[in-house]
Amino acid sequence: KTFIMRGNVLDLAVGVIIGAAFQAIVTSLTTDIISPILGLFGGMNFDQ
């Protein structure tokens, strides 16, 4: 309980959760926007 209640651990947990949520946004940006735009030059979606 003492370990968990330290500020560093709670800050780290919040950072990990926010990072995971932000990773979903970045993945969507590259998969749904950047890859198709790059695919315009190659004729298909960049992921493929």
ModelCIF file with pLDDT and N, C-alpha, C, O atoms, coordinates in Angstrom:
data_MODEL
#
_entry.id   MODEL 
#
_entity.id                         1 
_entity.type                       polymer 
_entity.pdbx_number_of_molecules   1 
#
_entity_poly.entity_id                      1 
_entity_poly.type                           'polypeptide(L)' 
_entity_poly.nstd_linkage                   no 
_entity_poly.nstd_monomer                   no 
_entity_poly.pdbx_seq_one_letter_code       KTFIMRGNVLDLAVGVIIGAAFQAIVTSLTTDIISPILGLFGGMNFDQ 
_entity_poly.pdbx_seq_one_letter_code_can   KTFIMRGNVLDLAVGVIIGAAFQAIVTSLTTDIISPILGLFGGMNFDQ 
_entity_poly.pdbx_strand_id                 A 
#
loop_
_entity_poly_seq.entity_id 
_entity_poly_seq.num 
_entity_poly_seq.mon_id 
_entity_poly_seq.hetero 
1 1  LYS n 
1 2  THR n 
1 3  PHE n 
1 4  ILE n 
1 5  MET n 
1 6  ARG n 
1 7  GLY n 
1 8  ASN n 
1 9  VAL n 
1 10 LEU n 
1 11 ASP n 
1 12 LEU n 
1 13 ALA n 
1 14 VAL n 
1 15 GLY n 
1 16 VAL n 
1 17 ILE n 
1 18 ILE n 
1 19 GLY n 
1 20 ALA n 
1 21 ALA n 
1 22 PHE n 
1 23 GLN n 
1 24 ALA n 
1 25 ILE n 
1 26 VAL n 
1 27 THR n 
1 28 SER n 
1 29 LEU n 
1 30 THR n 
1 31 THR n 
1 32 ASP n 
1 33 ILE n 
1 34 ILE n 
1 35 SER n 
1 36 PRO n 
1 37 ILE n 
1 38 LEU n 
1 39 GLY n 
1 40 LEU n 
1 41 PHE n 
1 42 GLY n 
1 43 GLY n 
1 44 MET n 
1 45 ASN n 
1 46 PHE n 
1 47 ASP n 
1 48 GLN n 
#
_struct_asym.id          A 
_struct_asym.entity_id   1 
#
loop_
_ma_qa_metric.id 
_ma_qa_metric.mode 
_ma_qa_metric.name 
_ma_qa_metric.software_group_id 
_ma_qa_metric.type 
1 global pLDDT . pLDDT 
2 local  pLDDT . pLDDT 
#
_ma_qa_metric_global.metric_id      1 
_ma_qa_metric_global.metric_value   78.04 
_ma_qa_metric_global.model_id       1 
_ma_qa_metric_global.ordinal_id     1 
#
loop_
_ma_qa_metric_local.label_asym_id 
_ma_qa_metric_local.label_comp_id 
_ma_qa_metric_local.label_seq_id 
_ma_qa_metric_local.metric_id 
_ma_qa_metric_local.metric_value 
_ma_qa_metric_local.model_id 
_ma_qa_metric_local.ordinal_id 
A LYS 1  2 76.00 1 1  
A THR 2  2 76.00 1 2  
A PHE 3  2 71.00 1 3  
A ILE 4  2 68.00 1 4  
A MET 5  2 70.00 1 5  
A ARG 6  2 68.00 1 6  
A GLY 7  2 63.00 1 7  
A ASN 8  2 70.00 1 8  
A VAL 9  2 69.00 1 9  
A LEU 10 2 68.00 1 10 
A ASP 11 2 73.00 1 11 
A LEU 12 2 76.00 1 12 
A ALA 13 2 77.00 1 13 
A VAL 14 2 76.00 1 14 
A GLY 15 2 80.00 1 15 
A VAL 16 2 84.00 1 16 
A ILE 17 2 85.00 1 17 
A ILE 18 2 84.00 1 18 
A GLY 19 2 83.00 1 19 
A ALA 20 2 85.00 1 20 
A ALA 21 2 86.00 1 21 
A PHE 22 2 84.00 1 22 
A GLN 23 2 85.00 1 23 
A ALA 24 2 87.00 1 24 
A ILE 25 2 87.00 1 25 
A VAL 26 2 86.00 1 26 
A THR 27 2 85.00 1 27 
A SER 28 2 87.00 1 28 
A LEU 29 2 85.00 1 29 
A THR 30 2 82.00 1 30 
A THR 31 2 81.00 1 31 
A ASP 32 2 83.00 1 32 
A ILE 33 2 83.00 1 33 
A ILE 34 2 80.00 1 34 
A SER 35 2 78.00 1 35 
A PRO 36 2 80.00 1 36 
A ILE 37 2 82.00 1 37 
A LEU 38 2 75.00 1 38 
A GLY 39 2 75.00 1 39 
A LEU 40 2 79.00 1 40 
A PHE 41 2 76.00 1 41 
A GLY 42 2 69.00 1 42 
A GLY 43 2 74.00 1 43 
A MET 44 2 72.00 1 44 
A ASN 45 2 74.00 1 45 
A PHE 46 2 74.00 1 46 
A ASP 47 2 76.00 1 47 
A GLN 48 2 79.00 1 48 
#
loop_
_atom_site.group_PDB 
_atom_site.id 
_atom_site.type_symbol 
_atom_site.label_atom_id 
_atom_site.label_alt_id 
_atom_site.label_comp_id 
_atom_site.label_asym_id 
_atom_site.label_entity_id 
_atom_site.label_seq_id 
_atom_site.pdbx_PDB_ins_code 
_atom_site.Cartn_x 
_atom_site.Cartn_y 
_atom_site.Cartn_z 
_atom_site.occupancy 
_atom_site.B_iso_or_equiv 
_atom_site.pdbx_formal_charge 
_atom_site.auth_seq_id 
_atom_site.auth_comp_id 
_atom_site.auth_asym_id 
_atom_site.auth_atom_id 
_atom_site.pdbx_PDB_model_num 
ATOM 1   N N  . LYS A 1 1  ? 0.837  -1.194 0.000   1.00 76.00 ? 1  LYS A N  1 
ATOM 2   C CA . LYS A 1 1  ? 0.000  0.000  0.000   1.00 76.00 ? 1  LYS A CA 1 
ATOM 3   C C  . LYS A 1 1  ? 0.879  1.255  0.000   1.00 76.00 ? 1  LYS A C  1 
ATOM 4   O O  . LYS A 1 1  ? 0.599  2.199  -0.738  1.00 76.00 ? 1  LYS A O  1 
ATOM 5   N N  . THR A 1 2  ? 1.923  1.276  0.807   1.00 76.00 ? 2  THR A N  1 
ATOM 6   C CA . THR A 1 2  ? 2.844  2.408  0.849   1.00 76.00 ? 2  THR A CA 1 
ATOM 7   C C  . THR A 1 2  ? 3.507  2.622  -0.508  1.00 76.00 ? 2  THR A C  1 
ATOM 8   O O  . THR A 1 2  ? 3.644  3.751  -0.978  1.00 76.00 ? 2  THR A O  1 
ATOM 9   N N  . PHE A 1 3  ? 3.916  1.515  -1.127  1.00 71.00 ? 3  PHE A N  1 
ATOM 10  C CA . PHE A 1 3  ? 4.553  1.583  -2.446  1.00 71.00 ? 3  PHE A CA 1 
ATOM 11  C C  . PHE A 1 3  ? 3.592  2.161  -3.486  1.00 71.00 ? 3  PHE A C  1 
ATOM 12  O O  . PHE A 1 3  ? 3.970  3.036  -4.265  1.00 71.00 ? 3  PHE A O  1 
ATOM 13  N N  . ILE A 1 4  ? 2.364  1.678  -3.497  1.00 68.00 ? 4  ILE A N  1 
ATOM 14  C CA . ILE A 1 4  ? 1.378  2.101  -4.492  1.00 68.00 ? 4  ILE A CA 1 
ATOM 15  C C  . ILE A 1 4  ? 0.994  3.565  -4.299  1.00 68.00 ? 4  ILE A C  1 
ATOM 16  O O  . ILE A 1 4  ? 0.739  4.273  -5.273  1.00 68.00 ? 4  ILE A O  1 
ATOM 17  N N  . MET A 1 5  ? 0.951  4.013  -3.070  1.00 70.00 ? 5  MET A N  1 
ATOM 18  C CA . MET A 1 5  ? 0.485  5.361  -2.793  1.00 70.00 ? 5  MET A CA 1 
ATOM 19  C C  . MET A 1 5  ? 1.564  6.427  -3.001  1.00 70.00 ? 5  MET A C  1 
ATOM 20  O O  . MET A 1 5  ? 1.280  7.618  -2.875  1.00 70.00 ? 5  MET A O  1 
ATOM 21  N N  . ARG A 1 6  ? 2.771  6.025  -3.309  1.00 68.00 ? 6  ARG A N  1 
ATOM 22  C CA . ARG A 1 6  ? 3.813  7.005  -3.617  1.00 68.00 ? 6  ARG A CA 1 
ATOM 23  C C  . ARG A 1 6  ? 3.423  7.770  -4.859  1.00 68.00 ? 6  ARG A C  1 
ATOM 24  O O  . ARG A 1 6  ? 2.784  7.225  -5.759  1.00 68.00 ? 6  ARG A O  1 
ATOM 25  N N  . GLY A 1 7  ? 3.805  9.024  -4.910  1.00 63.00 ? 7  GLY A N  1 
ATOM 26  C CA . GLY A 1 7  ? 3.470  9.869  -6.051  1.00 63.00 ? 7  GLY A CA 1 
ATOM 27  C C  . GLY A 1 7  ? 4.061  9.368  -7.346  1.00 63.00 ? 7  GLY A C  1 
ATOM 28  O O  . GLY A 1 7  ? 3.414  9.461  -8.390  1.00 63.00 ? 7  GLY A O  1 
ATOM 29  N N  . ASN A 1 8  ? 5.268  8.841  -7.313  1.00 70.00 ? 8  ASN A N  1 
ATOM 30  C CA . ASN A 1 8  ? 5.937  8.396  -8.533  1.00 70.00 ? 8  ASN A CA 1 
ATOM 31  C C  . ASN A 1 8  ? 5.170  7.266  -9.208  1.00 70.00 ? 8  ASN A C  1 
ATOM 32  O O  . ASN A 1 8  ? 5.015  7.264  -10.429 1.00 70.00 ? 8  ASN A O  1 
ATOM 33  N N  . VAL A 1 9  ? 4.694  6.313  -8.428  1.00 69.00 ? 9  VAL A N  1 
ATOM 34  C CA . VAL A 1 9  ? 3.989  5.161  -8.992  1.00 69.00 ? 9  VAL A CA 1 
ATOM 35  C C  . VAL A 1 9  ? 2.669  5.598  -9.602  1.00 69.00 ? 9  VAL A C  1 
ATOM 36  O O  . VAL A 1 9  ? 2.303  5.147  -10.687 1.00 69.00 ? 9  VAL A O  1 
ATOM 37  N N  . LEU A 1 10 ? 1.953  6.475  -8.907  1.00 68.00 ? 10 LEU A N  1 
ATOM 38  C CA . LEU A 1 10 ? 0.678  6.951  -9.446  1.00 68.00 ? 10 LEU A CA 1 
ATOM 39  C C  . LEU A 1 10 ? 0.899  7.769  -10.713 1.00 68.00 ? 10 LEU A C  1 
ATOM 40  O O  . LEU A 1 10 ? 0.144  7.639  -11.676 1.00 68.00 ? 10 LEU A O  1 
ATOM 41  N N  . ASP A 1 11 ? 1.927  8.609  -10.717 1.00 73.00 ? 11 ASP A N  1 
ATOM 42  C CA . ASP A 1 11 ? 2.242  9.381  -11.921 1.00 73.00 ? 11 ASP A CA 1 
ATOM 43  C C  . ASP A 1 11 ? 2.585  8.456  -13.085 1.00 73.00 ? 11 ASP A C  1 
ATOM 44  O O  . ASP A 1 11 ? 2.156  8.682  -14.217 1.00 73.00 ? 11 ASP A O  1 
ATOM 45  N N  . LEU A 1 12 ? 3.353  7.425  -12.797 1.00 76.00 ? 12 LEU A N  1 
ATOM 46  C CA . LEU A 1 12 ? 3.723  6.469  -13.838 1.00 76.00 ? 12 LEU A CA 1 
ATOM 47  C C  . LEU A 1 12 ? 2.499  5.755  -14.386 1.00 76.00 ? 12 LEU A C  1 
ATOM 48  O O  . LEU A 1 12 ? 2.374  5.575  -15.597 1.00 76.00 ? 12 LEU A O  1 
ATOM 49  N N  . ALA A 1 13 ? 1.594  5.348  -13.503 1.00 77.00 ? 13 ALA A N  1 
ATOM 50  C CA . ALA A 1 13 ? 0.381  4.656  -13.946 1.00 77.00 ? 13 ALA A CA 1 
ATOM 51  C C  . ALA A 1 13 ? -0.467 5.560  -14.838 1.00 77.00 ? 13 ALA A C  1 
ATOM 52  O O  . ALA A 1 13 ? -0.964 5.124  -15.876 1.00 77.00 ? 13 ALA A O  1 
ATOM 53  N N  . VAL A 1 14 ? -0.628 6.804  -14.437 1.00 76.00 ? 14 VAL A N  1 
ATOM 54  C CA . VAL A 1 14 ? -1.396 7.752  -15.252 1.00 76.00 ? 14 VAL A CA 1 
ATOM 55  C C  . VAL A 1 14 ? -0.705 7.957  -16.597 1.00 76.00 ? 14 VAL A C  1 
ATOM 56  O O  . VAL A 1 14 ? -1.363 8.014  -17.636 1.00 76.00 ? 14 VAL A O  1 
ATOM 57  N N  . GLY A 1 15 ? 0.623  8.068  -16.575 1.00 80.00 ? 15 GLY A N  1 
ATOM 58  C CA . GLY A 1 15 ? 1.367  8.238  -17.821 1.00 80.00 ? 15 GLY A CA 1 
ATOM 59  C C  . GLY A 1 15 ? 1.200  7.064  -18.774 1.00 80.00 ? 15 GLY A C  1 
ATOM 60  O O  . GLY A 1 15 ? 1.058  7.249  -19.982 1.00 80.00 ? 15 GLY A O  1 
ATOM 61  N N  . VAL A 1 16 ? 1.218  5.853  -18.220 1.00 84.00 ? 16 VAL A N  1 
ATOM 62  C CA . VAL A 1 16 ? 1.058  4.658  -19.057 1.00 84.00 ? 16 VAL A CA 1 
ATOM 63  C C  . VAL A 1 16 ? -0.331 4.631  -19.677 1.00 84.00 ? 16 VAL A C  1 
ATOM 64  O O  . VAL A 1 16 ? -0.475 4.313  -20.857 1.00 84.00 ? 16 VAL A O  1 
ATOM 65  N N  . ILE A 1 17 ? -1.347 4.961  -18.899 1.00 85.00 ? 17 ILE A N  1 
ATOM 66  C CA . ILE A 1 17 ? -2.721 4.948  -19.417 1.00 85.00 ? 17 ILE A CA 1 
ATOM 67  C C  . ILE A 1 17 ? -2.892 6.003  -20.501 1.00 85.00 ? 17 ILE A C  1 
ATOM 68  O O  . ILE A 1 17 ? -3.476 5.732  -21.550 1.00 85.00 ? 17 ILE A O  1 
ATOM 69  N N  . ILE A 1 18 ? -2.387 7.199  -20.249 1.00 84.00 ? 18 ILE A N  1 
ATOM 70  C CA . ILE A 1 18 ? -2.495 8.261  -21.252 1.00 84.00 ? 18 ILE A CA 1 
ATOM 71  C C  . ILE A 1 18 ? -1.675 7.900  -22.492 1.00 84.00 ? 18 ILE A C  1 
ATOM 72  O O  . ILE A 1 18 ? -2.105 8.151  -23.617 1.00 84.00 ? 18 ILE A O  1 
ATOM 73  N N  . GLY A 1 19 ? -0.500 7.313  -22.286 1.00 83.00 ? 19 GLY A N  1 
ATOM 74  C CA . GLY A 1 19 ? 0.327  6.893  -23.414 1.00 83.00 ? 19 GLY A CA 1 
ATOM 75  C C  . GLY A 1 19 ? -0.352 5.850  -24.276 1.00 83.00 ? 19 GLY A C  1 
ATOM 76  O O  . GLY A 1 19 ? -0.268 5.904  -25.503 1.00 83.00 ? 19 GLY A O  1 
ATOM 77  N N  . ALA A 1 20 ? -1.027 4.898  -23.641 1.00 85.00 ? 20 ALA A N  1 
ATOM 78  C CA . ALA A 1 20 ? -1.741 3.864  -24.402 1.00 85.00 ? 20 ALA A CA 1 
ATOM 79  C C  . ALA A 1 20 ? -2.882 4.481  -25.211 1.00 85.00 ? 20 ALA A C  1 
ATOM 80  O O  . ALA A 1 20 ? -3.102 4.112  -26.364 1.00 85.00 ? 20 ALA A O  1 
ATOM 81  N N  . ALA A 1 21 ? -3.600 5.415  -24.604 1.00 86.00 ? 21 ALA A N  1 
ATOM 82  C CA . ALA A 1 21 ? -4.688 6.073  -25.331 1.00 86.00 ? 21 ALA A CA 1 
ATOM 83  C C  . ALA A 1 21 ? -4.133 6.897  -26.490 1.00 86.00 ? 21 ALA A C  1 
ATOM 84  O O  . ALA A 1 21 ? -4.702 6.912  -27.581 1.00 86.00 ? 21 ALA A O  1 
ATOM 85  N N  . PHE A 1 22 ? -3.022 7.580  -26.244 1.00 84.00 ? 22 PHE A N  1 
ATOM 86  C CA . PHE A 1 22 ? -2.419 8.389  -27.298 1.00 84.00 ? 22 PHE A CA 1 
ATOM 87  C C  . PHE A 1 22 ? -1.861 7.498  -28.403 1.00 84.00 ? 22 PHE A C  1 
ATOM 88  O O  . PHE A 1 22 ? -1.894 7.872  -29.575 1.00 84.00 ? 22 PHE A O  1 
ATOM 89  N N  . GLN A 1 23 ? -1.352 6.327  -28.042 1.00 85.00 ? 23 GLN A N  1 
ATOM 90  C CA . GLN A 1 23 ? -0.836 5.388  -29.051 1.00 85.00 ? 23 GLN A CA 1 
ATOM 91  C C  . GLN A 1 23 ? -1.942 4.986  -30.019 1.00 85.00 ? 23 GLN A C  1 
ATOM 92  O O  . GLN A 1 23 ? -1.694 4.830  -31.215 1.00 85.00 ? 23 GLN A O  1 
ATOM 93  N N  . ALA A 1 24 ? -3.160 4.817  -29.509 1.00 87.00 ? 24 ALA A N  1 
ATOM 94  C CA . ALA A 1 24 ? -4.279 4.473  -30.390 1.00 87.00 ? 24 ALA A CA 1 
ATOM 95  C C  . ALA A 1 24 ? -4.530 5.603  -31.395 1.00 87.00 ? 24 ALA A C  1 
ATOM 96  O O  . ALA A 1 24 ? -4.841 5.345  -32.558 1.00 87.00 ? 24 ALA A O  1 
ATOM 97  N N  . ILE A 1 25 ? -4.397 6.831  -30.951 1.00 87.00 ? 25 ILE A N  1 
ATOM 98  C CA . ILE A 1 25 ? -4.591 7.973  -31.847 1.00 87.00 ? 25 ILE A CA 1 
ATOM 99  C C  . ILE A 1 25 ? -3.499 7.997  -32.911 1.00 87.00 ? 25 ILE A C  1 
ATOM 100 O O  . ILE A 1 25 ? -3.784 8.203  -34.091 1.00 87.00 ? 25 ILE A O  1 
ATOM 101 N N  . VAL A 1 26 ? -2.254 7.788  -32.500 1.00 86.00 ? 26 VAL A N  1 
ATOM 102 C CA . VAL A 1 26 ? -1.141 7.805  -33.453 1.00 86.00 ? 26 VAL A CA 1 
ATOM 103 C C  . VAL A 1 26 ? -1.266 6.643  -34.437 1.00 86.00 ? 26 VAL A C  1 
ATOM 104 O O  . VAL A 1 26 ? -1.015 6.814  -35.630 1.00 86.00 ? 26 VAL A O  1 
ATOM 105 N N  . THR A 1 27 ? -1.650 5.473  -33.951 1.00 85.00 ? 27 THR A N  1 
ATOM 106 C CA . THR A 1 27 ? -1.838 4.318  -34.843 1.00 85.00 ? 27 THR A CA 1 
ATOM 107 C C  . THR A 1 27 ? -2.916 4.620  -35.877 1.00 85.00 ? 27 THR A C  1 
ATOM 108 O O  . THR A 1 27 ? -2.752 4.311  -37.058 1.00 85.00 ? 27 THR A O  1 
ATOM 109 N N  . SER A 1 28 ? -4.005 5.217  -35.440 1.00 87.00 ? 28 SER A N  1 
ATOM 110 C CA . SER A 1 28 ? -5.070 5.584  -36.378 1.00 87.00 ? 28 SER A CA 1 
ATOM 111 C C  . SER A 1 28 ? -4.569 6.617  -37.383 1.00 87.00 ? 28 SER A C  1 
ATOM 112 O O  . SER A 1 28 ? -4.899 6.542  -38.567 1.00 87.00 ? 28 SER A O  1 
ATOM 113 N N  . LEU A 1 29 ? -3.776 7.578  -36.918 1.00 85.00 ? 29 LEU A N  1 
ATOM 114 C CA . LEU A 1 29 ? -3.229 8.593  -37.822 1.00 85.00 ? 29 LEU A CA 1 
ATOM 115 C C  . LEU A 1 29 ? -2.385 7.945  -38.915 1.00 85.00 ? 29 LEU A C  1 
ATOM 116 O O  . LEU A 1 29 ? -2.547 8.264  -40.092 1.00 85.00 ? 29 LEU A O  1 
ATOM 117 N N  . THR A 1 30 ? -1.491 7.043  -38.537 1.00 82.00 ? 30 THR A N  1 
ATOM 118 C CA . THR A 1 30 ? -0.615 6.438  -39.547 1.00 82.00 ? 30 THR A CA 1 
ATOM 119 C C  . THR A 1 30 ? -1.366 5.436  -40.414 1.00 82.00 ? 30 THR A C  1 
ATOM 120 O O  . THR A 1 30 ? -1.156 5.387  -41.627 1.00 82.00 ? 30 THR A O  1 
ATOM 121 N N  . THR A 1 31 ? -2.239 4.637  -39.804 1.00 81.00 ? 31 THR A N  1 
ATOM 122 C CA . THR A 1 31 ? -2.952 3.600  -40.566 1.00 81.00 ? 31 THR A CA 1 
ATOM 123 C C  . THR A 1 31 ? -4.024 4.192  -41.480 1.00 81.00 ? 31 THR A C  1 
ATOM 124 O O  . THR A 1 31 ? -4.160 3.784  -42.633 1.00 81.00 ? 31 THR A O  1 
ATOM 125 N N  . ASP A 1 32 ? -4.785 5.161  -40.952 1.00 83.00 ? 32 ASP A N  1 
ATOM 126 C CA . ASP A 1 32 ? -5.946 5.655  -41.685 1.00 83.00 ? 32 ASP A CA 1 
ATOM 127 C C  . ASP A 1 32 ? -5.672 6.905  -42.522 1.00 83.00 ? 32 ASP A C  1 
ATOM 128 O O  . ASP A 1 32 ? -6.437 7.221  -43.432 1.00 83.00 ? 32 ASP A O  1 
ATOM 129 N N  . ILE A 1 33 ? -4.582 7.615  -42.216 1.00 83.00 ? 33 ILE A N  1 
ATOM 130 C CA . ILE A 1 33 ? -4.333 8.862  -42.955 1.00 83.00 ? 33 ILE A CA 1 
ATOM 131 C C  . ILE A 1 33 ? -2.999 8.827  -43.691 1.00 83.00 ? 33 ILE A C  1 
ATOM 132 O O  . ILE A 1 33 ? -2.960 9.011  -44.907 1.00 83.00 ? 33 ILE A O  1 
ATOM 133 N N  . ILE A 1 34 ? -1.903 8.593  -42.966 1.00 80.00 ? 34 ILE A N  1 
ATOM 134 C CA . ILE A 1 34 ? -0.580 8.664  -43.594 1.00 80.00 ? 34 ILE A CA 1 
ATOM 135 C C  . ILE A 1 34 ? -0.367 7.530  -44.596 1.00 80.00 ? 34 ILE A C  1 
ATOM 136 O O  . ILE A 1 34 ? 0.085  7.784  -45.713 1.00 80.00 ? 34 ILE A O  1 
ATOM 137 N N  . SER A 1 35 ? -0.679 6.291  -44.228 1.00 78.00 ? 35 SER A N  1 
ATOM 138 C CA . SER A 1 35 ? -0.469 5.155  -45.140 1.00 78.00 ? 35 SER A CA 1 
ATOM 139 C C  . SER A 1 35 ? -1.281 5.288  -46.427 1.00 78.00 ? 35 SER A C  1 
ATOM 140 O O  . SER A 1 35 ? -0.737 5.056  -47.507 1.00 78.00 ? 35 SER A O  1 
ATOM 141 N N  . PRO A 1 36 ? -2.571 5.657  -46.353 1.00 80.00 ? 36 PRO A N  1 
ATOM 142 C CA . PRO A 1 36 ? -3.305 5.836  -47.614 1.00 80.00 ? 36 PRO A CA 1 
ATOM 143 C C  . PRO A 1 36 ? -2.748 6.973  -48.474 1.00 80.00 ? 36 PRO A C  1 
ATOM 144 O O  . PRO A 1 36 ? -2.740 6.877  -49.701 1.00 80.00 ? 36 PRO A O  1 
ATOM 145 N N  . ILE A 1 37 ? -2.279 8.055  -47.828 1.00 82.00 ? 37 ILE A N  1 
ATOM 146 C CA . ILE A 1 37 ? -1.707 9.155  -48.614 1.00 82.00 ? 37 ILE A CA 1 
ATOM 147 C C  . ILE A 1 37 ? -0.434 8.683  -49.311 1.00 82.00 ? 37 ILE A C  1 
ATOM 148 O O  . ILE A 1 37 ? -0.220 8.976  -50.488 1.00 82.00 ? 37 ILE A O  1 
ATOM 149 N N  . LEU A 1 38 ? 0.418  7.943  -48.572 1.00 75.00 ? 38 LEU A N  1 
ATOM 150 C CA . LEU A 1 38 ? 1.611  7.391  -49.210 1.00 75.00 ? 38 LEU A CA 1 
ATOM 151 C C  . LEU A 1 38 ? 1.227  6.364  -50.274 1.00 75.00 ? 38 LEU A C  1 
ATOM 152 O O  . LEU A 1 38 ? 1.934  6.202  -51.269 1.00 75.00 ? 38 LEU A O  1 
ATOM 153 N N  . GLY A 1 39 ? 0.116  5.678  -50.064 1.00 75.00 ? 39 GLY A N  1 
ATOM 154 C CA . GLY A 1 39 ? -0.364 4.701  -51.033 1.00 75.00 ? 39 GLY A CA 1 
ATOM 155 C C  . GLY A 1 39 ? -0.824 5.323  -52.340 1.00 75.00 ? 39 GLY A C  1 
ATOM 156 O O  . GLY A 1 39 ? -0.878 4.645  -53.366 1.00 75.00 ? 39 GLY A O  1 
ATOM 157 N N  . LEU A 1 40 ? -1.155 6.599  -52.310 1.00 79.00 ? 40 LEU A N  1 
ATOM 158 C CA . LEU A 1 40 ? -1.548 7.279  -53.547 1.00 79.00 ? 40 LEU A CA 1 
ATOM 159 C C  . LEU A 1 40 ? -0.429 7.219  -54.579 1.00 79.00 ? 40 LEU A C  1 
ATOM 160 O O  . LEU A 1 40 ? -0.680 7.145  -55.782 1.00 79.00 ? 40 LEU A O  1 
ATOM 161 N N  . PHE A 1 41 ? 0.818  7.254  -54.088 1.00 76.00 ? 41 PHE A N  1 
ATOM 162 C CA . PHE A 1 41 ? 1.953  7.217  -54.997 1.00 76.00 ? 41 PHE A CA 1 
ATOM 163 C C  . PHE A 1 41 ? 2.272  5.805  -55.464 1.00 76.00 ? 41 PHE A C  1 
ATOM 164 O O  . PHE A 1 41 ? 2.903  5.625  -56.506 1.00 76.00 ? 41 PHE A O  1 
ATOM 165 N N  . GLY A 1 42 ? 1.842  4.801  -54.706 1.00 69.00 ? 42 GLY A N  1 
ATOM 166 C CA . GLY A 1 42 ? 2.145  3.418  -55.062 1.00 69.00 ? 42 GLY A CA 1 
ATOM 167 C C  . GLY A 1 42 ? 0.961  2.645  -55.602 1.00 69.00 ? 42 GLY A C  1 
ATOM 168 O O  . GLY A 1 42 ? 1.122  1.519  -56.072 1.00 69.00 ? 42 GLY A O  1 
ATOM 169 N N  . GLY A 1 43 ? -0.211 3.220  -55.545 1.00 74.00 ? 43 GLY A N  1 
ATOM 170 C CA . GLY A 1 43 ? -1.373 2.572  -56.118 1.00 74.00 ? 43 GLY A CA 1 
ATOM 171 C C  . GLY A 1 43 ? -2.182 1.763  -55.119 1.00 74.00 ? 43 GLY A C  1 
ATOM 172 O O  . GLY A 1 43 ? -3.273 1.310  -55.467 1.00 74.00 ? 43 GLY A O  1 
ATOM 173 N N  . MET A 1 44 ? -1.703 1.554  -53.884 1.00 72.00 ? 44 MET A N  1 
ATOM 174 C CA . MET A 1 44 ? -2.498 0.863  -52.872 1.00 72.00 ? 44 MET A CA 1 
ATOM 175 C C  . MET A 1 44 ? -2.065 1.355  -51.493 1.00 72.00 ? 44 MET A C  1 
ATOM 176 O O  . MET A 1 44 ? -1.059 2.050  -51.351 1.00 72.00 ? 44 MET A O  1 
ATOM 177 N N  . ASN A 1 45 ? -2.842 0.981  -50.489 1.00 74.00 ? 45 ASN A N  1 
ATOM 178 C CA . ASN A 1 45 ? -2.561 1.391  -49.115 1.00 74.00 ? 45 ASN A CA 1 
ATOM 179 C C  . ASN A 1 45 ? -1.165 0.932  -48.715 1.00 74.00 ? 45 ASN A C  1 
ATOM 180 O O  . ASN A 1 45 ? -0.772 -0.198 -49.004 1.00 74.00 ? 45 ASN A O  1 
ATOM 181 N N  . PHE A 1 46 ? -0.438 1.784  -48.070 1.00 74.00 ? 46 PHE A N  1 
ATOM 182 C CA . PHE A 1 46 ? 0.945  1.521  -47.680 1.00 74.00 ? 46 PHE A CA 1 
ATOM 183 C C  . PHE A 1 46 ? 1.073  0.269  -46.804 1.00 74.00 ? 46 PHE A C  1 
ATOM 184 O O  . PHE A 1 46 ? 2.072  -0.445 -46.885 1.00 74.00 ? 46 PHE A O  1 
ATOM 185 N N  . ASP A 1 47 ? 0.062  0.003  -45.970 1.00 76.00 ? 47 ASP A N  1 
ATOM 186 C CA . ASP A 1 47 ? 0.082  -1.181 -45.094 1.00 76.00 ? 47 ASP A CA 1 
ATOM 187 C C  . ASP A 1 47 ? 0.076  -2.486 -45.884 1.00 76.00 ? 47 ASP A C  1 
ATOM 188 O O  . ASP A 1 47 ? 0.529  -3.513 -45.378 1.00 76.00 ? 47 ASP A O  1 
ATOM 189 N N  . GLN A 1 48 ? -0.419 -2.461 -47.087 1.00 79.00 ? 48 GLN A N  1 
ATOM 190 C CA . GLN A 1 48 ? -0.597 -3.687 -47.852 1.00 79.00 ? 48 GLN A CA 1 
ATOM 191 C C  . GLN A 1 48 ? 0.635  -4.083 -48.666 1.00 79.00 ? 48 GLN A C  1 
ATOM 192 O O  . GLN A 1 48 ? 0.616  -5.101 -49.358 1.00 79.00 ? 48 GLN A O  1 
#
